[in-house]
mmCIF file of all heavy atoms, coordinates in Angstrom:
data_MODEL
# 
_entry.id   MODEL 
# 
loop_
_atom_site.group_PDB 
_atom_site.id 
_atom_site.type_symbol 
_atom_site.label_atom_id 
_atom_site.label_alt_id 
_atom_site.label_comp_id 
_atom_site.label_asym_id 
_atom_site.label_entity_id 
_atom_site.label_seq_id 
_atom_site.pdbx_PDB_ins_code 
_atom_site.Cartn_x 
_atom_site.Cartn_y 
_atom_site.Cartn_z 
_atom_site.occupancy 
_atom_site.B_iso_or_equiv 
_atom_site.pdbx_formal_charge 
_atom_site.auth_seq_id 
_atom_site.auth_comp_id 
_atom_site.auth_asym_id 
_atom_site.auth_atom_id 
_atom_site.pdbx_PDB_model_num 
ATOM 1   N N   . ASP A 1 1  ? 0.835  -1.214  0.000   1.00 0.00 ? 1  ASP A N   1 
ATOM 2   C CA  . ASP A 1 1  ? 0.000  0.000   0.000   1.00 0.00 ? 1  ASP A CA  1 
ATOM 3   C C   . ASP A 1 1  ? 0.865  1.258   0.000   1.00 0.00 ? 1  ASP A C   1 
ATOM 4   O O   . ASP A 1 1  ? 0.590  2.216   -0.731  1.00 0.00 ? 1  ASP A O   1 
ATOM 5   C CB  . ASP A 1 1  ? -0.934 0.027   1.218   1.00 0.00 ? 1  ASP A CB  1 
ATOM 6   C CG  . ASP A 1 1  ? -2.047 -1.009  1.139   1.00 0.00 ? 1  ASP A CG  1 
ATOM 7   O OD1 . ASP A 1 1  ? -2.275 -1.586  0.043   1.00 0.00 ? 1  ASP A OD1 1 
ATOM 8   O OD2 . ASP A 1 1  ? -2.687 -1.254  2.181   1.00 0.00 ? 1  ASP A OD2 1 
ATOM 9   N N   . ALA A 1 2  ? 1.911  1.258   0.818   1.00 0.00 ? 2  ALA A N   1 
ATOM 10  C CA  . ALA A 1 2  ? 2.805  2.423   0.867   1.00 0.00 ? 2  ALA A CA  1 
ATOM 11  C C   . ALA A 1 2  ? 3.500  2.618   -0.476  1.00 0.00 ? 2  ALA A C   1 
ATOM 12  O O   . ALA A 1 2  ? 3.592  3.748   -0.981  1.00 0.00 ? 2  ALA A O   1 
ATOM 13  C CB  . ALA A 1 2  ? 3.837  2.261   1.985   1.00 0.00 ? 2  ALA A CB  1 
ATOM 14  N N   . SER A 1 3  ? 3.968  1.533   -1.074  1.00 0.00 ? 3  SER A N   1 
ATOM 15  C CA  . SER A 1 3  ? 4.628  1.613   -2.374  1.00 0.00 ? 3  SER A CA  1 
ATOM 16  C C   . SER A 1 3  ? 3.667  2.171   -3.417  1.00 0.00 ? 3  SER A C   1 
ATOM 17  O O   . SER A 1 3  ? 4.022  3.089   -4.182  1.00 0.00 ? 3  SER A O   1 
ATOM 18  C CB  . SER A 1 3  ? 5.128  0.232   -2.794  1.00 0.00 ? 3  SER A CB  1 
ATOM 19  O OG  . SER A 1 3  ? 5.771  0.291   -4.047  1.00 0.00 ? 3  SER A OG  1 
ATOM 20  N N   . ALA A 1 4  ? 2.454  1.661   -3.446  1.00 0.00 ? 4  ALA A N   1 
ATOM 21  C CA  . ALA A 1 4  ? 1.459  2.124   -4.422  1.00 0.00 ? 4  ALA A CA  1 
ATOM 22  C C   . ALA A 1 4  ? 1.160  3.614   -4.241  1.00 0.00 ? 4  ALA A C   1 
ATOM 23  O O   . ALA A 1 4  ? 1.015  4.356   -5.223  1.00 0.00 ? 4  ALA A O   1 
ATOM 24  C CB  . ALA A 1 4  ? 0.175  1.303   -4.303  1.00 0.00 ? 4  ALA A CB  1 
ATOM 25  N N   . GLU A 1 5  ? 1.096  4.062   -2.999  1.00 0.00 ? 5  GLU A N   1 
ATOM 26  C CA  . GLU A 1 5  ? 0.816  5.479   -2.738  1.00 0.00 ? 5  GLU A CA  1 
ATOM 27  C C   . GLU A 1 5  ? 1.939  6.369   -3.270  1.00 0.00 ? 5  GLU A C   1 
ATOM 28  O O   . GLU A 1 5  ? 1.686  7.379   -3.935  1.00 0.00 ? 5  GLU A O   1 
ATOM 29  C CB  . GLU A 1 5  ? 0.624  5.714   -1.232  1.00 0.00 ? 5  GLU A CB  1 
ATOM 30  C CG  . GLU A 1 5  ? 0.405  7.167   -0.848  1.00 0.00 ? 5  GLU A CG  1 
ATOM 31  C CD  . GLU A 1 5  ? -0.852 7.787   -1.447  1.00 0.00 ? 5  GLU A CD  1 
ATOM 32  O OE1 . GLU A 1 5  ? -1.824 7.054   -1.731  1.00 0.00 ? 5  GLU A OE1 1 
ATOM 33  O OE2 . GLU A 1 5  ? -0.867 9.037   -1.626  1.00 0.00 ? 5  GLU A OE2 1 
ATOM 34  N N   . TYR A 1 6  ? 3.187  6.013   -2.992  1.00 0.00 ? 6  TYR A N   1 
ATOM 35  C CA  . TYR A 1 6  ? 4.300  6.832   -3.494  1.00 0.00 ? 6  TYR A CA  1 
ATOM 36  C C   . TYR A 1 6  ? 4.437  6.732   -5.002  1.00 0.00 ? 6  TYR A C   1 
ATOM 37  O O   . TYR A 1 6  ? 4.744  7.723   -5.666  1.00 0.00 ? 6  TYR A O   1 
ATOM 38  C CB  . TYR A 1 6  ? 5.615  6.491   -2.777  1.00 0.00 ? 6  TYR A CB  1 
ATOM 39  C CG  . TYR A 1 6  ? 5.650  7.089   -1.394  1.00 0.00 ? 6  TYR A CG  1 
ATOM 40  C CD1 . TYR A 1 6  ? 5.607  6.291   -0.272  1.00 0.00 ? 6  TYR A CD1 1 
ATOM 41  C CD2 . TYR A 1 6  ? 5.686  8.475   -1.229  1.00 0.00 ? 6  TYR A CD2 1 
ATOM 42  C CE1 . TYR A 1 6  ? 5.606  6.855   1.001   1.00 0.00 ? 6  TYR A CE1 1 
ATOM 43  C CE2 . TYR A 1 6  ? 5.677  9.035   0.030   1.00 0.00 ? 6  TYR A CE2 1 
ATOM 44  C CZ  . TYR A 1 6  ? 5.640  8.224   1.144   1.00 0.00 ? 6  TYR A CZ  1 
ATOM 45  O OH  . TYR A 1 6  ? 5.634  8.785   2.389   1.00 0.00 ? 6  TYR A OH  1 
ATOM 46  N N   . GLU A 1 7  ? 4.177  5.563   -5.562  1.00 0.00 ? 7  GLU A N   1 
ATOM 47  C CA  . GLU A 1 7  ? 4.211  5.436   -7.024  1.00 0.00 ? 7  GLU A CA  1 
ATOM 48  C C   . GLU A 1 7  ? 3.169  6.350   -7.656  1.00 0.00 ? 7  GLU A C   1 
ATOM 49  O O   . GLU A 1 7  ? 3.440  7.000   -8.675  1.00 0.00 ? 7  GLU A O   1 
ATOM 50  C CB  . GLU A 1 7  ? 3.975  3.988   -7.446  1.00 0.00 ? 7  GLU A CB  1 
ATOM 51  C CG  . GLU A 1 7  ? 5.153  3.066   -7.126  1.00 0.00 ? 7  GLU A CG  1 
ATOM 52  C CD  . GLU A 1 7  ? 4.836  1.629   -7.454  1.00 0.00 ? 7  GLU A CD  1 
ATOM 53  O OE1 . GLU A 1 7  ? 4.710  1.320   -8.652  1.00 0.00 ? 7  GLU A OE1 1 
ATOM 54  O OE2 . GLU A 1 7  ? 4.714  0.818   -6.507  1.00 0.00 ? 7  GLU A OE2 1 
ATOM 55  N N   . LYS A 1 8  ? 1.981  6.412   -7.049  1.00 0.00 ? 8  LYS A N   1 
ATOM 56  C CA  . LYS A 1 8  ? 0.906  7.287   -7.555  1.00 0.00 ? 8  LYS A CA  1 
ATOM 57  C C   . LYS A 1 8  ? 1.340  8.756   -7.466  1.00 0.00 ? 8  LYS A C   1 
ATOM 58  O O   . LYS A 1 8  ? 1.203  9.514   -8.429  1.00 0.00 ? 8  LYS A O   1 
ATOM 59  C CB  . LYS A 1 8  ? -0.378 7.055   -6.748  1.00 0.00 ? 8  LYS A CB  1 
ATOM 60  C CG  . LYS A 1 8  ? -1.580 7.868   -7.240  1.00 0.00 ? 8  LYS A CG  1 
ATOM 61  C CD  . LYS A 1 8  ? -2.812 7.558   -6.419  1.00 0.00 ? 8  LYS A CD  1 
ATOM 62  C CE  . LYS A 1 8  ? -2.763 8.399   -5.178  1.00 0.00 ? 8  LYS A CE  1 
ATOM 63  N NZ  . LYS A 1 8  ? -3.943 8.362   -4.329  1.00 0.00 ? 8  LYS A NZ  1 
ATOM 64  N N   . ARG A 1 9  ? 1.876  9.154   -6.321  1.00 0.00 ? 9  ARG A N   1 
ATOM 65  C CA  . ARG A 1 9  ? 2.330  10.539  -6.145  1.00 0.00 ? 9  ARG A CA  1 
ATOM 66  C C   . ARG A 1 9  ? 3.442  10.889  -7.130  1.00 0.00 ? 9  ARG A C   1 
ATOM 67  O O   . ARG A 1 9  ? 3.482  11.991  -7.671  1.00 0.00 ? 9  ARG A O   1 
ATOM 68  C CB  . ARG A 1 9  ? 2.840  10.756  -4.723  1.00 0.00 ? 9  ARG A CB  1 
ATOM 69  C CG  . ARG A 1 9  ? 1.777  10.725  -3.668  1.00 0.00 ? 9  ARG A CG  1 
ATOM 70  C CD  . ARG A 1 9  ? 2.404  10.968  -2.309  1.00 0.00 ? 9  ARG A CD  1 
ATOM 71  N NE  . ARG A 1 9  ? 1.438  10.808  -1.238  1.00 0.00 ? 9  ARG A NE  1 
ATOM 72  C CZ  . ARG A 1 9  ? 1.666  11.173  0.010   1.00 0.00 ? 9  ARG A CZ  1 
ATOM 73  N NH1 . ARG A 1 9  ? 2.841  11.710  0.341   1.00 0.00 ? 9  ARG A NH1 1 
ATOM 74  N NH2 . ARG A 1 9  ? 0.756  11.000  0.920   1.00 0.00 ? 9  ARG A NH2 1 
ATOM 75  N N   . LEU A 1 10 ? 4.350  9.943   -7.346  1.00 0.00 ? 10 LEU A N   1 
ATOM 76  C CA  . LEU A 1 10 ? 5.492  10.206  -8.229  1.00 0.00 ? 10 LEU A CA  1 
ATOM 77  C C   . LEU A 1 10 ? 5.111  10.231  -9.706  1.00 0.00 ? 10 LEU A C   1 
ATOM 78  O O   . LEU A 1 10 ? 5.861  10.784  -10.520 1.00 0.00 ? 10 LEU A O   1 
ATOM 79  C CB  . LEU A 1 10 ? 6.592  9.157   -7.992  1.00 0.00 ? 10 LEU A CB  1 
ATOM 80  C CG  . LEU A 1 10 ? 7.441  9.399   -6.757  1.00 0.00 ? 10 LEU A CG  1 
ATOM 81  C CD1 . LEU A 1 10 ? 8.180  8.129   -6.351  1.00 0.00 ? 10 LEU A CD1 1 
ATOM 82  C CD2 . LEU A 1 10 ? 8.414  10.539  -7.004  1.00 0.00 ? 10 LEU A CD2 1 
ATOM 83  N N   . SER A 1 11 ? 3.986  9.669   -10.053 1.00 0.00 ? 11 SER A N   1 
ATOM 84  C CA  . SER A 1 11 ? 3.608  9.582   -11.468 1.00 0.00 ? 11 SER A CA  1 
ATOM 85  C C   . SER A 1 11 ? 3.507  10.950  -12.138 1.00 0.00 ? 11 SER A C   1 
ATOM 86  O O   . SER A 1 11 ? 3.683  11.063  -13.347 1.00 0.00 ? 11 SER A O   1 
ATOM 87  C CB  . SER A 1 11 ? 2.300  8.803   -11.633 1.00 0.00 ? 11 SER A CB  1 
ATOM 88  O OG  . SER A 1 11 ? 1.222  9.520   -11.066 1.00 0.00 ? 11 SER A OG  1 
ATOM 89  N N   . ALA A 1 12 ? 3.256  12.003  -11.380 1.00 0.00 ? 12 ALA A N   1 
ATOM 90  C CA  . ALA A 1 12 ? 3.195  13.355  -11.933 1.00 0.00 ? 12 ALA A CA  1 
ATOM 91  C C   . ALA A 1 12 ? 4.586  13.983  -12.081 1.00 0.00 ? 12 ALA A C   1 
ATOM 92  O O   . ALA A 1 12 ? 4.738  14.997  -12.744 1.00 0.00 ? 12 ALA A O   1 
ATOM 93  C CB  . ALA A 1 12 ? 2.328  14.245  -11.041 1.00 0.00 ? 12 ALA A CB  1 
ATOM 94  N N   . MET A 1 13 ? 5.597  13.358  -11.457 1.00 0.00 ? 13 MET A N   1 
ATOM 95  C CA  . MET A 1 13 ? 6.928  13.963  -11.406 1.00 0.00 ? 13 MET A CA  1 
ATOM 96  C C   . MET A 1 13 ? 7.979  13.215  -12.217 1.00 0.00 ? 13 MET A C   1 
ATOM 97  O O   . MET A 1 13 ? 8.990  13.790  -12.606 1.00 0.00 ? 13 MET A O   1 
ATOM 98  C CB  . MET A 1 13 ? 7.389  14.040  -9.947  1.00 0.00 ? 13 MET A CB  1 
ATOM 99  C CG  . MET A 1 13 ? 6.462  14.820  -9.062  1.00 0.00 ? 13 MET A CG  1 
ATOM 100 S SD  . MET A 1 13 ? 6.968  14.627  -7.349  1.00 0.00 ? 13 MET A SD  1 
ATOM 101 C CE  . MET A 1 13 ? 5.765  15.653  -6.547  1.00 0.00 ? 13 MET A CE  1 
ATOM 102 N N   . CYS A 1 14 ? 7.777  11.917  -12.398 1.00 0.00 ? 14 CYS A N   1 
ATOM 103 C CA  . CYS A 1 14 ? 8.752  11.104  -13.112 1.00 0.00 ? 14 CYS A CA  1 
ATOM 104 C C   . CYS A 1 14 ? 8.057  9.842   -13.613 1.00 0.00 ? 14 CYS A C   1 
ATOM 105 O O   . CYS A 1 14 ? 6.922  9.566   -13.233 1.00 0.00 ? 14 CYS A O   1 
ATOM 106 C CB  . CYS A 1 14 ? 9.927  10.735  -12.205 1.00 0.00 ? 14 CYS A CB  1 
ATOM 107 S SG  . CYS A 1 14 ? 9.502  9.644   -10.823 1.00 0.00 ? 14 CYS A SG  1 
ATOM 108 N N   . LYS A 1 15 ? 8.757  9.139   -14.448 1.00 0.00 ? 15 LYS A N   1 
ATOM 109 C CA  . LYS A 1 15 ? 8.257  7.832   -14.884 1.00 0.00 ? 15 LYS A CA  1 
ATOM 110 C C   . LYS A 1 15 ? 8.911  6.794   -13.982 1.00 0.00 ? 15 LYS A C   1 
ATOM 111 O O   . LYS A 1 15 ? 10.122 6.600   -14.024 1.00 0.00 ? 15 LYS A O   1 
ATOM 112 C CB  . LYS A 1 15 ? 8.610  7.585   -16.347 1.00 0.00 ? 15 LYS A CB  1 
ATOM 113 C CG  . LYS A 1 15 ? 8.024  6.308   -16.879 1.00 0.00 ? 15 LYS A CG  1 
ATOM 114 C CD  . LYS A 1 15 ? 8.263  6.154   -18.360 1.00 0.00 ? 15 LYS A CD  1 
ATOM 115 C CE  . LYS A 1 15 ? 7.633  4.840   -18.799 1.00 0.00 ? 15 LYS A CE  1 
ATOM 116 N NZ  . LYS A 1 15 ? 8.564  3.967   -19.474 1.00 0.00 ? 15 LYS A NZ  1 
ATOM 117 N N   . MET A 1 16 ? 8.117  6.168   -13.123 1.00 0.00 ? 16 MET A N   1 
ATOM 118 C CA  . MET A 1 16 ? 8.612  5.228   -12.114 1.00 0.00 ? 16 MET A CA  1 
ATOM 119 C C   . MET A 1 16 ? 8.387  3.796   -12.581 1.00 0.00 ? 16 MET A C   1 
ATOM 120 O O   . MET A 1 16 ? 7.309  3.447   -13.048 1.00 0.00 ? 16 MET A O   1 
ATOM 121 C CB  . MET A 1 16 ? 7.887  5.473   -10.782 1.00 0.00 ? 16 MET A CB  1 
ATOM 122 C CG  . MET A 1 16 ? 8.202  4.482   -9.684  1.00 0.00 ? 16 MET A CG  1 
ATOM 123 S SD  . MET A 1 16 ? 9.916  4.437   -9.149  1.00 0.00 ? 16 MET A SD  1 
ATOM 124 C CE  . MET A 1 16 ? 10.121 6.071   -8.506  1.00 0.00 ? 16 MET A CE  1 
ATOM 125 N N   . ASN A 1 17 ? 9.416  2.979   -12.441 1.00 0.00 ? 17 ASN A N   1 
ATOM 126 C CA  . ASN A 1 17 ? 9.322  1.574   -12.793 1.00 0.00 ? 17 ASN A CA  1 
ATOM 127 C C   . ASN A 1 17 ? 9.997  0.771   -11.688 1.00 0.00 ? 17 ASN A C   1 
ATOM 128 O O   . ASN A 1 17 ? 11.164 1.022   -11.374 1.00 0.00 ? 17 ASN A O   1 
ATOM 129 C CB  . ASN A 1 17 ? 10.003 1.317   -14.145 1.00 0.00 ? 17 ASN A CB  1 
ATOM 130 C CG  . ASN A 1 17 ? 9.833  -0.102  -14.620 1.00 0.00 ? 17 ASN A CG  1 
ATOM 131 O OD1 . ASN A 1 17 ? 8.882  -0.786  -14.276 1.00 0.00 ? 17 ASN A OD1 1 
ATOM 132 N ND2 . ASN A 1 17 ? 10.771 -0.549  -15.430 1.00 0.00 ? 17 ASN A ND2 1 
ATOM 133 N N   . ILE A 1 18 ? 9.261  -0.151  -11.096 1.00 0.00 ? 18 ILE A N   1 
ATOM 134 C CA  . ILE A 1 18 ? 9.838  -1.012  -10.062 1.00 0.00 ? 18 ILE A CA  1 
ATOM 135 C C   . ILE A 1 18 ? 9.920  -2.427  -10.625 1.00 0.00 ? 18 ILE A C   1 
ATOM 136 O O   . ILE A 1 18 ? 8.916  -2.977  -11.090 1.00 0.00 ? 18 ILE A O   1 
ATOM 137 C CB  . ILE A 1 18 ? 9.017  -0.981  -8.765  1.00 0.00 ? 18 ILE A CB  1 
ATOM 138 C CG1 . ILE A 1 18 ? 9.033  0.432   -8.180  1.00 0.00 ? 18 ILE A CG1 1 
ATOM 139 C CG2 . ILE A 1 18 ? 9.559  -2.001  -7.762  1.00 0.00 ? 18 ILE A CG2 1 
ATOM 140 C CD1 . ILE A 1 18 ? 8.190  0.623   -6.943  1.00 0.00 ? 18 ILE A CD1 1 
ATOM 141 N N   . ILE A 1 19 ? 11.119 -2.968  -10.602 1.00 0.00 ? 19 ILE A N   1 
ATOM 142 C CA  . ILE A 1 19 ? 11.362 -4.317  -11.107 1.00 0.00 ? 19 ILE A CA  1 
ATOM 143 C C   . ILE A 1 19 ? 11.811 -5.179  -9.932  1.00 0.00 ? 19 ILE A C   1 
ATOM 144 O O   . ILE A 1 19 ? 12.810 -4.864  -9.271  1.00 0.00 ? 19 ILE A O   1 
ATOM 145 C CB  . ILE A 1 19 ? 12.455 -4.316  -12.199 1.00 0.00 ? 19 ILE A CB  1 
ATOM 146 C CG1 . ILE A 1 19 ? 12.034 -3.425  -13.378 1.00 0.00 ? 19 ILE A CG1 1 
ATOM 147 C CG2 . ILE A 1 19 ? 12.757 -5.740  -12.654 1.00 0.00 ? 19 ILE A CG2 1 
ATOM 148 C CD1 . ILE A 1 19 ? 13.153 -3.172  -14.375 1.00 0.00 ? 19 ILE A CD1 1 
ATOM 149 N N   . GLU A 1 20 ? 11.077 -6.234  -9.694  1.00 0.00 ? 20 GLU A N   1 
ATOM 150 C CA  . GLU A 1 20 ? 11.444 -7.169  -8.634  1.00 0.00 ? 20 GLU A CA  1 
ATOM 151 C C   . GLU A 1 20 ? 12.135 -8.370  -9.261  1.00 0.00 ? 20 GLU A C   1 
ATOM 152 O O   . GLU A 1 20 ? 11.631 -8.931  -10.234 1.00 0.00 ? 20 GLU A O   1 
ATOM 153 C CB  . GLU A 1 20 ? 10.204 -7.616  -7.866  1.00 0.00 ? 20 GLU A CB  1 
ATOM 154 C CG  . GLU A 1 20 ? 9.534  -6.474  -7.119  1.00 0.00 ? 20 GLU A CG  1 
ATOM 155 C CD  . GLU A 1 20 ? 8.229  -6.877  -6.452  1.00 0.00 ? 20 GLU A CD  1 
ATOM 156 O OE1 . GLU A 1 20 ? 7.617  -7.899  -6.868  1.00 0.00 ? 20 GLU A OE1 1 
ATOM 157 O OE2 . GLU A 1 20 ? 7.805  -6.170  -5.522  1.00 0.00 ? 20 GLU A OE2 1 
ATOM 158 N N   . VAL A 1 21 ? 13.288 -8.723  -8.720  1.00 0.00 ? 21 VAL A N   1 
ATOM 159 C CA  . VAL A 1 21 ? 13.989 -9.921  -9.184  1.00 0.00 ? 21 VAL A CA  1 
ATOM 160 C C   . VAL A 1 21 ? 13.876 -10.986 -8.099  1.00 0.00 ? 21 VAL A C   1 
ATOM 161 O O   . VAL A 1 21 ? 13.736 -10.676 -6.913  1.00 0.00 ? 21 VAL A O   1 
ATOM 162 C CB  . VAL A 1 21 ? 15.467 -9.646  -9.561  1.00 0.00 ? 21 VAL A CB  1 
ATOM 163 C CG1 . VAL A 1 21 ? 15.549 -8.640  -10.707 1.00 0.00 ? 21 VAL A CG1 1 
ATOM 164 C CG2 . VAL A 1 21 ? 16.276 -9.184  -8.375  1.00 0.00 ? 21 VAL A CG2 1 
ATOM 165 N N   . LYS A 1 22 ? 13.955 -12.226 -8.531  1.00 0.00 ? 22 LYS A N   1 
ATOM 166 C CA  . LYS A 1 22 ? 13.780 -13.363 -7.624  1.00 0.00 ? 22 LYS A CA  1 
ATOM 167 C C   . LYS A 1 22 ? 14.825 -13.357 -6.512  1.00 0.00 ? 22 LYS A C   1 
ATOM 168 O O   . LYS A 1 22 ? 16.010 -13.173 -6.755  1.00 0.00 ? 22 LYS A O   1 
ATOM 169 C CB  . LYS A 1 22 ? 13.866 -14.655 -8.432  1.00 0.00 ? 22 LYS A CB  1 
ATOM 170 C CG  . LYS A 1 22 ? 13.642 -15.909 -7.627  1.00 0.00 ? 22 LYS A CG  1 
ATOM 171 C CD  . LYS A 1 22 ? 13.669 -17.130 -8.543  1.00 0.00 ? 22 LYS A CD  1 
ATOM 172 C CE  . LYS A 1 22 ? 13.816 -18.398 -7.767  1.00 0.00 ? 22 LYS A CE  1 
ATOM 173 N NZ  . LYS A 1 22 ? 15.180 -18.886 -7.693  1.00 0.00 ? 22 LYS A NZ  1 
ATOM 174 N N   . GLU A 1 23 ? 14.324 -13.581 -5.312  1.00 0.00 ? 23 GLU A N   1 
ATOM 175 C CA  . GLU A 1 23 ? 15.199 -13.731 -4.145  1.00 0.00 ? 23 GLU A CA  1 
ATOM 176 C C   . GLU A 1 23 ? 15.682 -15.175 -4.101  1.00 0.00 ? 23 GLU A C   1 
ATOM 177 O O   . GLU A 1 23 ? 14.886 -16.105 -4.239  1.00 0.00 ? 23 GLU A O   1 
ATOM 178 C CB  . GLU A 1 23 ? 14.400 -13.381 -2.884  1.00 0.00 ? 23 GLU A CB  1 
ATOM 179 C CG  . GLU A 1 23 ? 15.191 -13.332 -1.621  1.00 0.00 ? 23 GLU A CG  1 
ATOM 180 C CD  . GLU A 1 23 ? 14.372 -12.784 -0.453  1.00 0.00 ? 23 GLU A CD  1 
ATOM 181 O OE1 . GLU A 1 23 ? 13.141 -12.658 -0.564  1.00 0.00 ? 23 GLU A OE1 1 
ATOM 182 O OE2 . GLU A 1 23 ? 14.990 -12.504 0.582   1.00 0.00 ? 23 GLU A OE2 1 
ATOM 183 N N   . GLU A 1 24 ? 16.959 -15.355 -3.945  1.00 0.00 ? 24 GLU A N   1 
ATOM 184 C CA  . GLU A 1 24 ? 17.543 -16.700 -3.903  1.00 0.00 ? 24 GLU A CA  1 
ATOM 185 C C   . GLU A 1 24 ? 17.175 -17.371 -2.574  1.00 0.00 ? 24 GLU A C   1 
ATOM 186 O O   . GLU A 1 24 ? 17.223 -16.739 -1.523  1.00 0.00 ? 24 GLU A O   1 
ATOM 187 C CB  . GLU A 1 24 ? 19.069 -16.575 -4.048  1.00 0.00 ? 24 GLU A CB  1 
ATOM 188 C CG  . GLU A 1 24 ? 19.781 -17.831 -4.392  1.00 0.00 ? 24 GLU A CG  1 
ATOM 189 C CD  . GLU A 1 24 ? 19.445 -18.396 -5.766  1.00 0.00 ? 24 GLU A CD  1 
ATOM 190 O OE1 . GLU A 1 24 ? 18.986 -17.648 -6.651  1.00 0.00 ? 24 GLU A OE1 1 
ATOM 191 O OE2 . GLU A 1 24 ? 19.647 -19.602 -5.937  1.00 0.00 ? 24 GLU A OE2 1 
ATOM 192 N N   . ARG A 1 25 ? 16.819 -18.636 -2.641  1.00 0.00 ? 25 ARG A N   1 
ATOM 193 C CA  . ARG A 1 25 ? 16.498 -19.374 -1.412  1.00 0.00 ? 25 ARG A CA  1 
ATOM 194 C C   . ARG A 1 25 ? 17.771 -19.598 -0.598  1.00 0.00 ? 25 ARG A C   1 
ATOM 195 O O   . ARG A 1 25 ? 18.842 -19.773 -1.151  1.00 0.00 ? 25 ARG A O   1 
ATOM 196 C CB  . ARG A 1 25 ? 15.852 -20.710 -1.743  1.00 0.00 ? 25 ARG A CB  1 
ATOM 197 C CG  . ARG A 1 25 ? 14.536 -20.534 -2.463  1.00 0.00 ? 25 ARG A CG  1 
ATOM 198 C CD  . ARG A 1 25 ? 13.789 -21.855 -2.585  1.00 0.00 ? 25 ARG A CD  1 
ATOM 199 N NE  . ARG A 1 25 ? 12.408 -21.624 -2.165  1.00 0.00 ? 25 ARG A NE  1 
ATOM 200 C CZ  . ARG A 1 25 ? 11.898 -21.945 -0.984  1.00 0.00 ? 25 ARG A CZ  1 
ATOM 201 N NH1 . ARG A 1 25 ? 12.605 -22.526 -0.100  1.00 0.00 ? 25 ARG A NH1 1 
ATOM 202 N NH2 . ARG A 1 25 ? 10.656 -21.691 -0.689  1.00 0.00 ? 25 ARG A NH2 1 
ATOM 203 N N   . SER A 1 26 ? 17.595 -19.584 0.717   1.00 0.00 ? 26 SER A N   1 
ATOM 204 C CA  . SER A 1 26 ? 18.738 -19.723 1.613   1.00 0.00 ? 26 SER A CA  1 
ATOM 205 C C   . SER A 1 26 ? 18.448 -20.784 2.668   1.00 0.00 ? 26 SER A C   1 
ATOM 206 O O   . SER A 1 26 ? 17.349 -20.820 3.217   1.00 0.00 ? 26 SER A O   1 
ATOM 207 C CB  . SER A 1 26 ? 19.003 -18.377 2.291   1.00 0.00 ? 26 SER A CB  1 
ATOM 208 O OG  . SER A 1 26 ? 19.926 -18.509 3.340   1.00 0.00 ? 26 SER A OG  1 
ATOM 209 N N   . PRO A 1 27 ? 19.439 -21.630 2.981   1.00 0.00 ? 27 PRO A N   1 
ATOM 210 C CA  . PRO A 1 27 ? 19.234 -22.564 4.096   1.00 0.00 ? 27 PRO A CA  1 
ATOM 211 C C   . PRO A 1 27 ? 19.164 -21.799 5.418   1.00 0.00 ? 27 PRO A C   1 
ATOM 212 O O   . PRO A 1 27 ? 19.515 -20.609 5.481   1.00 0.00 ? 27 PRO A O   1 
ATOM 213 C CB  . PRO A 1 27 ? 20.472 -23.470 4.033   1.00 0.00 ? 27 PRO A CB  1 
ATOM 214 C CG  . PRO A 1 27 ? 21.483 -22.726 3.238   1.00 0.00 ? 27 PRO A CG  1 
ATOM 215 C CD  . PRO A 1 27 ? 20.741 -21.777 2.346   1.00 0.00 ? 27 PRO A CD  1 
ATOM 216 N N   . ASP A 1 28 ? 18.717 -22.466 6.466   1.00 0.00 ? 28 ASP A N   1 
ATOM 217 C CA  . ASP A 1 28 ? 18.562 -21.802 7.766   1.00 0.00 ? 28 ASP A CA  1 
ATOM 218 C C   . ASP A 1 28 ? 19.854 -21.199 8.301   1.00 0.00 ? 28 ASP A C   1 
ATOM 219 O O   . ASP A 1 28 ? 19.857 -20.086 8.809   1.00 0.00 ? 28 ASP A O   1 
ATOM 220 C CB  . ASP A 1 28 ? 17.979 -22.776 8.800   1.00 0.00 ? 28 ASP A CB  1 
ATOM 221 C CG  . ASP A 1 28 ? 16.499 -23.036 8.558   1.00 0.00 ? 28 ASP A CG  1 
ATOM 222 O OD1 . ASP A 1 28 ? 15.856 -22.230 7.853   1.00 0.00 ? 28 ASP A OD1 1 
ATOM 223 O OD2 . ASP A 1 28 ? 15.989 -24.050 9.073   1.00 0.00 ? 28 ASP A OD2 1 
# 
């Protein structure tokens, strides 16, 4: 929700693109 709110606010100021890459699995 916080990310979506800032992305919405920033849309008037810049072109925002968030790319998520896969997190590698880790043993305990």
